[in-house]
Each structure stands twice: as structure tokens, then as C-alpha cells.
Amino acid sequence: MAGRARKTATKQRSEQRESARGLRVAILRARFNAQVVDGLTWGACAELKELGASAQDVEVIDVPGAFELPQAALAAARSGRFDAIVALGAVIQGGTDHYEHVAREAASGLMRAGLDTLVPVAFGVLTVRKVEQAVERSAPGPDNKGAEAARAAVAQARLLASLRPRRRR
């Protein structure tokens, strides 16, 4: 890397966070486990505002549950309306294997939506064993996972934009 600064993208809090100014962001919000997802949504919206996104450039879209997030993410990405997508949900372990299936398919489907479209899809789906863990990770404050997912979406959108081929004159 002679003579060039190395570009890095991070979802962690730091002094050098990427700007969300001018980015169009979809927040896909699973309605299942609404109390927890409300906290994640609040965190994502607050973080995007702090990063410079305007209210007009952020659209919150309700989705039935975490299992449906990948299909909604793919549709949002293919719409051409968004530069980044933040997928938010909560899958809490119960007494059956249902939890494992939903968590696995949500994760792989969201990754596939991002890979297939090259629109960043940030994974803000909590997969926890207990309700208390979900409540803790969705509470206001520096550990809110919705805010973390928003930072990841913005950082990845900026990184991918910097990697696009430039047109020759």
C-alpha cells in the first residue's frame, strides 16, 4: 500500500465514524417481540441522526417477523431507493428448535440479500437465550445493538461506494 492510506470500516464507536449525510437508509423492523425491537429501532434512528442522516432519508418499514426480514431486505435493496438497509429483530429461545431455524435463516437470508444486490444489509437481529438479554441489548445507551447495526450499515455503504469502479474520461 505504498503512498495510500488504508481504508477501514467499523461498526464500533470511535471518533472517526462515517457520515450518513446524503445516504438513503431503510430500517426494516420486525413486529414480533415489539418491545425489544422498538428499542433497537430507537437506537438505529438516533445513531443515524447523530451521523448526519436527515429524517427524510430514513424510512422505517414494518415486517411481520425476523423470518420475513430477508425477503423484505431483498425487495428494498432491489428497489433502488436505498443506499443501505438496517434489519432489526429479536429471536428469543423458547422450548423448541424453532428459535434455531428462524435465527439461522434470518442471518443467511440477510447476508444473501446484501451479497446478491451489493446494497449493505446490516444484521441487527438479536439472537438470545433470555428476554432479559434482549432487553439489555435494546436499551438506550452505548451498547444498543440497533445503533451498532446502523453504524455498520453506514460504514459499509461508504466502503462499497469507495470500491466502485471509476469511469475513465
N, C-alpha and C. Protein backbone atom coordinates (compact mmCIF):
# COMPACT_ATOMS: atom_id res chain seq x y z
N MET A 1 0.84 -1.20 0.00
CA MET A 1 0.00 0.00 0.00
C MET A 1 0.87 1.24 0.00
N ALA A 2 1.80 1.29 -0.84
CA ALA A 2 2.72 2.41 -0.89
C ALA A 2 1.99 3.70 -1.20
N GLY A 3 2.14 4.68 -0.32
CA GLY A 3 1.63 6.01 -0.55
C GLY A 3 0.12 6.18 -0.39
N ARG A 4 -0.60 5.17 0.02
CA ARG A 4 -2.05 5.28 0.18
C ARG A 4 -2.44 4.98 1.62
N ALA A 5 -3.40 5.74 2.10
CA ALA A 5 -3.94 5.45 3.43
C ALA A 5 -4.85 4.24 3.33
N ARG A 6 -4.81 3.41 4.30
CA ARG A 6 -5.64 2.21 4.31
C ARG A 6 -7.04 2.58 4.77
N LYS A 7 -8.06 2.13 4.02
CA LYS A 7 -9.45 2.40 4.39
C LYS A 7 -9.94 1.28 5.30
N THR A 8 -10.64 1.65 6.35
CA THR A 8 -11.23 0.65 7.23
C THR A 8 -12.67 1.02 7.49
N ALA A 9 -13.47 0.02 7.73
CA ALA A 9 -14.87 0.23 8.10
C ALA A 9 -15.08 -0.45 9.43
N THR A 10 -15.83 0.21 10.31
CA THR A 10 -16.06 -0.36 11.63
C THR A 10 -17.48 -0.06 12.08
N LYS A 11 -18.01 -0.94 12.89
CA LYS A 11 -19.32 -0.68 13.48
C LYS A 11 -19.18 -0.25 14.93
N GLN A 12 -17.96 -0.23 15.43
CA GLN A 12 -17.71 0.18 16.80
C GLN A 12 -17.73 1.69 16.92
N ARG A 13 -18.05 2.17 18.11
CA ARG A 13 -17.99 3.62 18.35
C ARG A 13 -16.53 4.06 18.27
N SER A 14 -16.31 5.16 17.59
CA SER A 14 -14.97 5.73 17.53
C SER A 14 -15.10 7.19 17.17
N GLU A 15 -14.02 7.89 17.23
CA GLU A 15 -14.03 9.30 16.88
C GLU A 15 -14.15 9.49 15.37
N GLN A 16 -13.73 8.52 14.57
CA GLN A 16 -13.77 8.64 13.12
C GLN A 16 -14.88 7.77 12.55
N ARG A 17 -16.11 8.15 12.79
CA ARG A 17 -17.25 7.41 12.26
C ARG A 17 -17.62 7.98 10.91
N GLU A 18 -18.16 7.12 10.06
CA GLU A 18 -18.59 7.53 8.73
C GLU A 18 -19.83 8.42 8.82
N SER A 19 -19.95 9.35 7.90
CA SER A 19 -21.11 10.22 7.84
C SER A 19 -22.25 9.53 7.10
N ALA A 20 -23.46 9.71 7.62
CA ALA A 20 -24.66 9.19 6.95
C ALA A 20 -25.31 10.27 6.10
N ARG A 21 -24.71 11.45 6.07
CA ARG A 21 -25.29 12.57 5.31
C ARG A 21 -25.46 12.16 3.84
N GLY A 22 -26.69 12.31 3.33
CA GLY A 22 -26.97 12.01 1.94
C GLY A 22 -27.29 10.55 1.65
N LEU A 23 -27.11 9.67 2.62
CA LEU A 23 -27.45 8.26 2.40
C LEU A 23 -28.94 8.04 2.63
N ARG A 24 -29.53 7.21 1.79
CA ARG A 24 -30.92 6.81 1.97
C ARG A 24 -30.90 5.44 2.65
N VAL A 25 -31.51 5.35 3.83
CA VAL A 25 -31.43 4.14 4.65
C VAL A 25 -32.82 3.61 4.96
N ALA A 26 -32.99 2.31 4.74
CA ALA A 26 -34.22 1.63 5.16
C ALA A 26 -33.94 0.92 6.46
N ILE A 27 -34.82 1.11 7.42
CA ILE A 27 -34.78 0.34 8.66
C ILE A 27 -35.94 -0.63 8.59
N LEU A 28 -35.62 -1.92 8.48
CA LEU A 28 -36.64 -2.96 8.47
C LEU A 28 -36.83 -3.43 9.89
N ARG A 29 -38.04 -3.30 10.38
CA ARG A 29 -38.34 -3.52 11.79
C ARG A 29 -39.32 -4.68 11.93
N ALA A 30 -38.84 -5.80 12.48
CA ALA A 30 -39.73 -6.94 12.73
C ALA A 30 -40.73 -6.56 13.81
N ARG A 31 -42.00 -6.86 13.58
CA ARG A 31 -43.04 -6.54 14.58
C ARG A 31 -43.08 -7.54 15.73
N PHE A 32 -42.57 -8.75 15.53
CA PHE A 32 -42.56 -9.75 16.59
C PHE A 32 -41.56 -9.32 17.66
N ASN A 33 -41.86 -9.51 18.92
CA ASN A 33 -41.04 -9.03 20.05
C ASN A 33 -40.92 -7.50 19.98
N ALA A 34 -42.06 -6.85 19.81
CA ALA A 34 -42.12 -5.41 19.54
C ALA A 34 -41.41 -4.56 20.59
N GLN A 35 -41.52 -4.88 21.86
CA GLN A 35 -40.90 -4.05 22.89
C GLN A 35 -39.39 -3.98 22.68
N VAL A 36 -38.79 -5.11 22.39
CA VAL A 36 -37.35 -5.17 22.17
C VAL A 36 -36.99 -4.46 20.87
N VAL A 37 -37.73 -4.73 19.82
CA VAL A 37 -37.43 -4.15 18.51
C VAL A 37 -37.66 -2.63 18.52
N ASP A 38 -38.61 -2.16 19.32
CA ASP A 38 -38.79 -0.71 19.47
C ASP A 38 -37.50 -0.06 19.98
N GLY A 39 -36.86 -0.70 20.95
CA GLY A 39 -35.60 -0.17 21.48
C GLY A 39 -34.48 -0.18 20.45
N LEU A 40 -34.42 -1.24 19.65
CA LEU A 40 -33.41 -1.32 18.59
C LEU A 40 -33.67 -0.23 17.55
N THR A 41 -34.93 -0.04 17.21
CA THR A 41 -35.30 0.97 16.21
C THR A 41 -34.94 2.36 16.71
N TRP A 42 -35.26 2.64 17.97
CA TRP A 42 -34.89 3.92 18.56
C TRP A 42 -33.38 4.13 18.46
N GLY A 43 -32.60 3.10 18.81
CA GLY A 43 -31.14 3.21 18.76
C GLY A 43 -30.63 3.46 17.36
N ALA A 44 -31.19 2.75 16.37
CA ALA A 44 -30.76 2.94 14.98
C ALA A 44 -31.10 4.34 14.49
N CYS A 45 -32.31 4.79 14.75
CA CYS A 45 -32.72 6.13 14.30
C CYS A 45 -31.88 7.22 14.96
N ALA A 46 -31.65 7.09 16.26
CA ALA A 46 -30.83 8.08 16.97
C ALA A 46 -29.41 8.11 16.43
N GLU A 47 -28.85 6.95 16.15
CA GLU A 47 -27.48 6.88 15.63
C GLU A 47 -27.39 7.48 14.24
N LEU A 48 -28.36 7.17 13.38
CA LEU A 48 -28.34 7.74 12.03
C LEU A 48 -28.45 9.26 12.07
N LYS A 49 -29.28 9.77 12.96
CA LYS A 49 -29.40 11.22 13.12
C LYS A 49 -28.07 11.80 13.58
N GLU A 50 -27.44 11.15 14.56
CA GLU A 50 -26.14 11.62 15.06
C GLU A 50 -25.07 11.59 13.96
N LEU A 51 -25.19 10.64 13.04
CA LEU A 51 -24.23 10.53 11.94
C LEU A 51 -24.56 11.46 10.77
N GLY A 52 -25.63 12.24 10.90
CA GLY A 52 -25.93 13.26 9.90
C GLY A 52 -27.02 12.92 8.91
N ALA A 53 -27.71 11.81 9.08
CA ALA A 53 -28.81 11.47 8.17
C ALA A 53 -29.99 12.38 8.45
N SER A 54 -30.66 12.79 7.39
CA SER A 54 -31.87 13.60 7.57
C SER A 54 -33.06 12.66 7.78
N ALA A 55 -34.09 13.17 8.41
CA ALA A 55 -35.28 12.37 8.67
C ALA A 55 -35.92 11.90 7.36
N GLN A 56 -35.82 12.69 6.30
CA GLN A 56 -36.40 12.32 5.01
C GLN A 56 -35.65 11.17 4.35
N ASP A 57 -34.40 10.95 4.72
CA ASP A 57 -33.59 9.90 4.11
C ASP A 57 -33.64 8.57 4.86
N VAL A 58 -34.40 8.52 5.95
CA VAL A 58 -34.53 7.29 6.74
C VAL A 58 -35.99 6.85 6.71
N GLU A 59 -36.21 5.62 6.25
CA GLU A 59 -37.57 5.09 6.18
C GLU A 59 -37.66 3.84 7.05
N VAL A 60 -38.58 3.83 8.00
CA VAL A 60 -38.81 2.67 8.86
C VAL A 60 -39.96 1.88 8.26
N ILE A 61 -39.70 0.59 8.02
CA ILE A 61 -40.66 -0.29 7.36
C ILE A 61 -40.93 -1.48 8.27
N ASP A 62 -42.19 -1.71 8.62
CA ASP A 62 -42.55 -2.84 9.46
C ASP A 62 -42.60 -4.13 8.64
N VAL A 63 -42.09 -5.19 9.24
CA VAL A 63 -42.05 -6.54 8.65
C VAL A 63 -42.66 -7.47 9.71
N PRO A 64 -43.40 -8.51 9.30
CA PRO A 64 -44.05 -9.36 10.31
C PRO A 64 -43.10 -9.92 11.38
N GLY A 65 -41.97 -10.47 10.99
CA GLY A 65 -41.06 -11.06 11.96
C GLY A 65 -39.66 -11.20 11.39
N ALA A 66 -38.75 -11.76 12.18
CA ALA A 66 -37.36 -11.92 11.76
C ALA A 66 -37.23 -12.85 10.56
N PHE A 67 -38.07 -13.85 10.48
CA PHE A 67 -38.01 -14.80 9.36
C PHE A 67 -38.32 -14.11 8.03
N GLU A 68 -39.13 -13.06 8.07
CA GLU A 68 -39.52 -12.33 6.86
C GLU A 68 -38.54 -11.21 6.50
N LEU A 69 -37.62 -10.89 7.38
CA LEU A 69 -36.67 -9.81 7.11
C LEU A 69 -35.85 -10.00 5.83
N PRO A 70 -35.33 -11.20 5.54
CA PRO A 70 -34.52 -11.34 4.32
C PRO A 70 -35.29 -11.00 3.03
N GLN A 71 -36.52 -11.44 2.92
CA GLN A 71 -37.29 -11.14 1.72
C GLN A 71 -37.55 -9.64 1.61
N ALA A 72 -37.87 -9.00 2.71
CA ALA A 72 -38.08 -7.55 2.70
C ALA A 72 -36.78 -6.82 2.37
N ALA A 73 -35.65 -7.32 2.90
CA ALA A 73 -34.36 -6.69 2.61
C ALA A 73 -34.03 -6.79 1.13
N LEU A 74 -34.28 -7.94 0.55
CA LEU A 74 -34.01 -8.14 -0.87
C LEU A 74 -34.88 -7.20 -1.72
N ALA A 75 -36.16 -7.09 -1.38
CA ALA A 75 -37.06 -6.21 -2.11
C ALA A 75 -36.63 -4.75 -1.96
N ALA A 76 -36.26 -4.35 -0.75
CA ALA A 76 -35.81 -2.97 -0.52
C ALA A 76 -34.53 -2.68 -1.29
N ALA A 77 -33.60 -3.61 -1.27
CA ALA A 77 -32.33 -3.41 -1.97
C ALA A 77 -32.55 -3.33 -3.48
N ARG A 78 -33.40 -4.19 -4.02
CA ARG A 78 -33.66 -4.18 -5.47
C ARG A 78 -34.49 -2.99 -5.92
N SER A 79 -35.14 -2.31 -4.98
CA SER A 79 -35.98 -1.16 -5.35
C SER A 79 -35.16 0.00 -5.87
N GLY A 80 -33.90 0.06 -5.52
CA GLY A 80 -33.05 1.18 -5.93
C GLY A 80 -33.27 2.43 -5.10
N ARG A 81 -34.10 2.35 -4.09
CA ARG A 81 -34.42 3.52 -3.26
C ARG A 81 -33.46 3.74 -2.11
N PHE A 82 -32.64 2.71 -1.79
CA PHE A 82 -31.83 2.79 -0.57
C PHE A 82 -30.36 2.51 -0.84
N ASP A 83 -29.51 3.23 -0.09
CA ASP A 83 -28.07 3.02 -0.13
C ASP A 83 -27.63 1.98 0.90
N ALA A 84 -28.45 1.77 1.92
CA ALA A 84 -28.14 0.82 2.99
C ALA A 84 -29.43 0.39 3.66
N ILE A 85 -29.36 -0.80 4.26
CA ILE A 85 -30.52 -1.37 4.95
C ILE A 85 -30.08 -1.83 6.32
N VAL A 86 -30.89 -1.52 7.33
CA VAL A 86 -30.66 -1.97 8.69
C VAL A 86 -31.82 -2.90 9.04
N ALA A 87 -31.52 -4.19 9.25
CA ALA A 87 -32.55 -5.18 9.58
C ALA A 87 -32.56 -5.40 11.09
N LEU A 88 -33.70 -5.15 11.71
CA LEU A 88 -33.82 -5.24 13.17
C LEU A 88 -34.88 -6.26 13.57
N GLY A 89 -34.54 -7.08 14.53
CA GLY A 89 -35.48 -8.06 15.04
C GLY A 89 -34.93 -8.69 16.31
N ALA A 90 -35.72 -9.58 16.88
CA ALA A 90 -35.29 -10.29 18.09
C ALA A 90 -35.84 -11.71 18.04
N VAL A 91 -34.93 -12.66 18.13
CA VAL A 91 -35.30 -14.07 18.17
C VAL A 91 -34.86 -14.58 19.54
N ILE A 92 -35.83 -14.95 20.36
CA ILE A 92 -35.56 -15.36 21.74
C ILE A 92 -35.85 -16.84 21.87
N GLN A 93 -34.91 -17.56 22.41
CA GLN A 93 -35.03 -19.02 22.52
C GLN A 93 -36.23 -19.40 23.38
N GLY A 94 -36.95 -20.39 22.90
CA GLY A 94 -38.08 -20.92 23.65
C GLY A 94 -37.83 -22.39 23.94
N GLY A 95 -38.88 -23.12 24.08
CA GLY A 95 -38.78 -24.53 24.44
C GLY A 95 -38.63 -25.47 23.26
N THR A 96 -38.59 -24.94 22.03
CA THR A 96 -38.48 -25.80 20.85
C THR A 96 -37.29 -25.37 20.00
N ASP A 97 -37.07 -26.09 18.91
CA ASP A 97 -35.98 -25.77 17.99
C ASP A 97 -36.33 -24.62 17.04
N HIS A 98 -37.52 -24.10 17.11
CA HIS A 98 -37.97 -23.02 16.23
C HIS A 98 -36.98 -21.86 16.22
N TYR A 99 -36.49 -21.50 17.38
CA TYR A 99 -35.52 -20.40 17.55
C TYR A 99 -34.32 -20.57 16.63
N GLU A 100 -33.75 -21.77 16.61
CA GLU A 100 -32.55 -22.03 15.81
C GLU A 100 -32.83 -21.87 14.32
N HIS A 101 -33.97 -22.36 13.86
CA HIS A 101 -34.31 -22.27 12.45
C HIS A 101 -34.51 -20.82 12.01
N VAL A 102 -35.25 -20.06 12.80
CA VAL A 102 -35.52 -18.66 12.46
C VAL A 102 -34.22 -17.85 12.48
N ALA A 103 -33.41 -18.02 13.52
CA ALA A 103 -32.15 -17.27 13.62
C ALA A 103 -31.22 -17.59 12.45
N ARG A 104 -31.09 -18.85 12.13
CA ARG A 104 -30.19 -19.27 11.04
C ARG A 104 -30.67 -18.71 9.70
N GLU A 105 -31.95 -18.86 9.41
CA GLU A 105 -32.47 -18.41 8.12
C GLU A 105 -32.47 -16.88 8.01
N ALA A 106 -32.74 -16.20 9.10
CA ALA A 106 -32.68 -14.73 9.07
C ALA A 106 -31.26 -14.28 8.76
N ALA A 107 -30.28 -14.85 9.44
CA ALA A 107 -28.88 -14.46 9.22
C ALA A 107 -28.43 -14.76 7.80
N SER A 108 -28.67 -15.98 7.33
CA SER A 108 -28.19 -16.33 5.99
C SER A 108 -28.96 -15.58 4.91
N GLY A 109 -30.24 -15.38 5.11
CA GLY A 109 -31.04 -14.65 4.12
C GLY A 109 -30.64 -13.18 4.01
N LEU A 110 -30.36 -12.56 5.14
CA LEU A 110 -29.94 -11.15 5.11
C LEU A 110 -28.57 -11.02 4.44
N MET A 111 -27.68 -11.94 4.74
CA MET A 111 -26.37 -11.91 4.08
C MET A 111 -26.54 -12.09 2.58
N ARG A 112 -27.37 -13.02 2.19
CA ARG A 112 -27.58 -13.27 0.75
C ARG A 112 -28.18 -12.05 0.05
N ALA A 113 -29.09 -11.35 0.71
CA ALA A 113 -29.69 -10.15 0.11
C ALA A 113 -28.60 -9.10 -0.16
N GLY A 114 -27.70 -8.92 0.79
CA GLY A 114 -26.62 -7.98 0.59
C GLY A 114 -25.64 -8.41 -0.48
N LEU A 115 -25.30 -9.69 -0.49
CA LEU A 115 -24.37 -10.20 -1.50
C LEU A 115 -24.97 -10.14 -2.90
N ASP A 116 -26.24 -10.48 -3.03
CA ASP A 116 -26.88 -10.51 -4.34
C ASP A 116 -27.08 -9.12 -4.95
N THR A 117 -27.20 -8.10 -4.10
CA THR A 117 -27.52 -6.76 -4.60
C THR A 117 -26.38 -5.76 -4.43
N LEU A 118 -25.41 -6.09 -3.62
CA LEU A 118 -24.33 -5.17 -3.24
C LEU A 118 -24.84 -3.92 -2.54
N VAL A 119 -26.01 -4.01 -1.95
CA VAL A 119 -26.52 -2.97 -1.05
C VAL A 119 -26.26 -3.49 0.36
N PRO A 120 -25.56 -2.72 1.20
CA PRO A 120 -25.26 -3.20 2.55
C PRO A 120 -26.54 -3.51 3.33
N VAL A 121 -26.55 -4.67 3.96
CA VAL A 121 -27.66 -5.08 4.83
C VAL A 121 -27.04 -5.39 6.19
N ALA A 122 -27.27 -4.52 7.15
CA ALA A 122 -26.70 -4.69 8.48
C ALA A 122 -27.58 -5.61 9.31
N PHE A 123 -26.94 -6.53 10.03
CA PHE A 123 -27.64 -7.53 10.83
C PHE A 123 -27.84 -7.00 12.25
N GLY A 124 -29.05 -6.54 12.51
CA GLY A 124 -29.41 -6.05 13.84
C GLY A 124 -30.47 -6.94 14.47
N VAL A 125 -30.33 -8.24 14.25
CA VAL A 125 -31.29 -9.20 14.80
C VAL A 125 -30.66 -9.83 16.03
N LEU A 126 -31.27 -9.59 17.17
CA LEU A 126 -30.78 -10.21 18.40
C LEU A 126 -31.15 -11.68 18.39
N THR A 127 -30.22 -12.53 18.73
CA THR A 127 -30.48 -13.96 18.89
C THR A 127 -30.00 -14.32 20.29
N VAL A 128 -30.93 -14.41 21.20
CA VAL A 128 -30.59 -14.55 22.62
C VAL A 128 -31.35 -15.70 23.26
N ARG A 129 -30.87 -16.12 24.40
CA ARG A 129 -31.49 -17.22 25.14
C ARG A 129 -32.60 -16.74 26.07
N LYS A 130 -32.47 -15.50 26.57
CA LYS A 130 -33.43 -15.00 27.57
C LYS A 130 -33.91 -13.61 27.20
N VAL A 131 -35.15 -13.30 27.58
CA VAL A 131 -35.74 -11.99 27.32
C VAL A 131 -34.87 -10.89 27.93
N GLU A 132 -34.33 -11.14 29.12
CA GLU A 132 -33.51 -10.12 29.78
C GLU A 132 -32.31 -9.72 28.94
N GLN A 133 -31.73 -10.67 28.23
CA GLN A 133 -30.59 -10.36 27.35
C GLN A 133 -31.03 -9.45 26.21
N ALA A 134 -32.20 -9.70 25.66
CA ALA A 134 -32.72 -8.87 24.57
C ALA A 134 -33.01 -7.46 25.06
N VAL A 135 -33.63 -7.35 26.23
CA VAL A 135 -33.96 -6.05 26.80
C VAL A 135 -32.68 -5.26 27.05
N GLU A 136 -31.66 -5.91 27.57
CA GLU A 136 -30.38 -5.25 27.84
C GLU A 136 -29.74 -4.71 26.56
N ARG A 137 -29.78 -5.48 25.48
CA ARG A 137 -29.13 -5.10 24.22
C ARG A 137 -29.95 -4.09 23.41
N SER A 138 -31.20 -3.88 23.80
CA SER A 138 -32.04 -2.92 23.09
C SER A 138 -32.30 -1.65 23.89
N ALA A 139 -31.72 -1.57 25.07
CA ALA A 139 -31.91 -0.40 25.93
C ALA A 139 -31.12 0.80 25.40
N PRO A 140 -31.60 2.00 25.69
CA PRO A 140 -30.84 3.19 25.29
C PRO A 140 -29.44 3.15 25.91
N GLY A 141 -28.48 3.67 25.18
CA GLY A 141 -27.12 3.72 25.68
C GLY A 141 -26.11 3.19 24.67
N PRO A 142 -24.85 3.18 25.06
CA PRO A 142 -23.78 2.84 24.12
C PRO A 142 -23.78 1.39 23.65
N ASP A 143 -24.47 0.49 24.33
CA ASP A 143 -24.48 -0.92 23.94
C ASP A 143 -25.72 -1.31 23.13
N ASN A 144 -26.50 -0.34 22.68
CA ASN A 144 -27.70 -0.63 21.90
C ASN A 144 -27.29 -1.22 20.56
N LYS A 145 -27.79 -2.41 20.26
CA LYS A 145 -27.40 -3.13 19.05
C LYS A 145 -28.06 -2.56 17.79
N GLY A 146 -29.14 -1.83 17.93
CA GLY A 146 -29.73 -1.13 16.78
C GLY A 146 -28.80 -0.02 16.31
N ALA A 147 -28.23 0.72 17.26
CA ALA A 147 -27.26 1.77 16.92
C ALA A 147 -26.03 1.16 16.27
N GLU A 148 -25.58 0.03 16.80
CA GLU A 148 -24.41 -0.65 16.23
C GLU A 148 -24.68 -1.09 14.79
N ALA A 149 -25.85 -1.62 14.53
CA ALA A 149 -26.21 -2.04 13.17
C ALA A 149 -26.27 -0.84 12.23
N ALA A 150 -26.78 0.28 12.71
CA ALA A 150 -26.84 1.49 11.89
C ALA A 150 -25.43 1.96 11.52
N ARG A 151 -24.52 1.95 12.48
CA ARG A 151 -23.12 2.32 12.20
C ARG A 151 -22.51 1.38 11.17
N ALA A 152 -22.80 0.09 11.28
CA ALA A 152 -22.27 -0.89 10.33
C ALA A 152 -22.80 -0.63 8.93
N ALA A 153 -24.09 -0.33 8.81
CA ALA A 153 -24.69 -0.08 7.51
C ALA A 153 -24.06 1.15 6.84
N VAL A 154 -23.88 2.20 7.61
CA VAL A 154 -23.29 3.43 7.07
C VAL A 154 -21.83 3.19 6.66
N ALA A 155 -21.07 2.54 7.53
CA ALA A 155 -19.66 2.28 7.22
C ALA A 155 -19.53 1.42 5.98
N GLN A 156 -20.36 0.40 5.85
CA GLN A 156 -20.29 -0.49 4.69
C GLN A 156 -20.74 0.23 3.43
N ALA A 157 -21.76 1.08 3.51
CA ALA A 157 -22.20 1.84 2.34
C ALA A 157 -21.08 2.75 1.83
N ARG A 158 -20.40 3.40 2.76
CA ARG A 158 -19.29 4.28 2.36
C ARG A 158 -18.12 3.47 1.79
N LEU A 159 -17.83 2.33 2.40
CA LEU A 159 -16.74 1.48 1.90
C LEU A 159 -17.05 0.98 0.49
N LEU A 160 -18.25 0.45 0.28
CA LEU A 160 -18.60 -0.07 -1.04
C LEU A 160 -18.60 1.04 -2.10
N ALA A 161 -19.04 2.23 -1.72
CA ALA A 161 -19.01 3.36 -2.66
C ALA A 161 -17.57 3.67 -3.07
N SER A 162 -16.64 3.55 -2.13
CA SER A 162 -15.24 3.85 -2.45
C SER A 162 -14.59 2.77 -3.31
N LEU A 163 -15.19 1.59 -3.36
CA LEU A 163 -14.64 0.48 -4.13
C LEU A 163 -15.25 0.34 -5.53
N ARG A 164 -16.26 1.16 -5.84
CA ARG A 164 -16.89 1.08 -7.16
C ARG A 164 -15.90 1.55 -8.22
N PRO A 165 -15.95 0.94 -9.39
CA PRO A 165 -15.05 1.36 -10.47
C PRO A 165 -15.31 2.80 -10.87
N ARG A 166 -14.25 3.51 -11.14
CA ARG A 166 -14.36 4.88 -11.61
C ARG A 166 -14.41 4.87 -13.14
N ARG A 167 -15.17 5.78 -13.66
CA ARG A 167 -15.26 5.90 -15.12
C ARG A 167 -14.03 6.64 -15.63
N ARG A 168 -13.49 6.15 -16.71
CA ARG A 168 -12.34 6.82 -17.34
C ARG A 168 -12.86 7.92 -18.25
N ARG A 169 -12.12 8.99 -18.30
CA ARG A 169 -12.51 10.12 -19.15
C ARG A 169 -11.90 10.00 -20.50
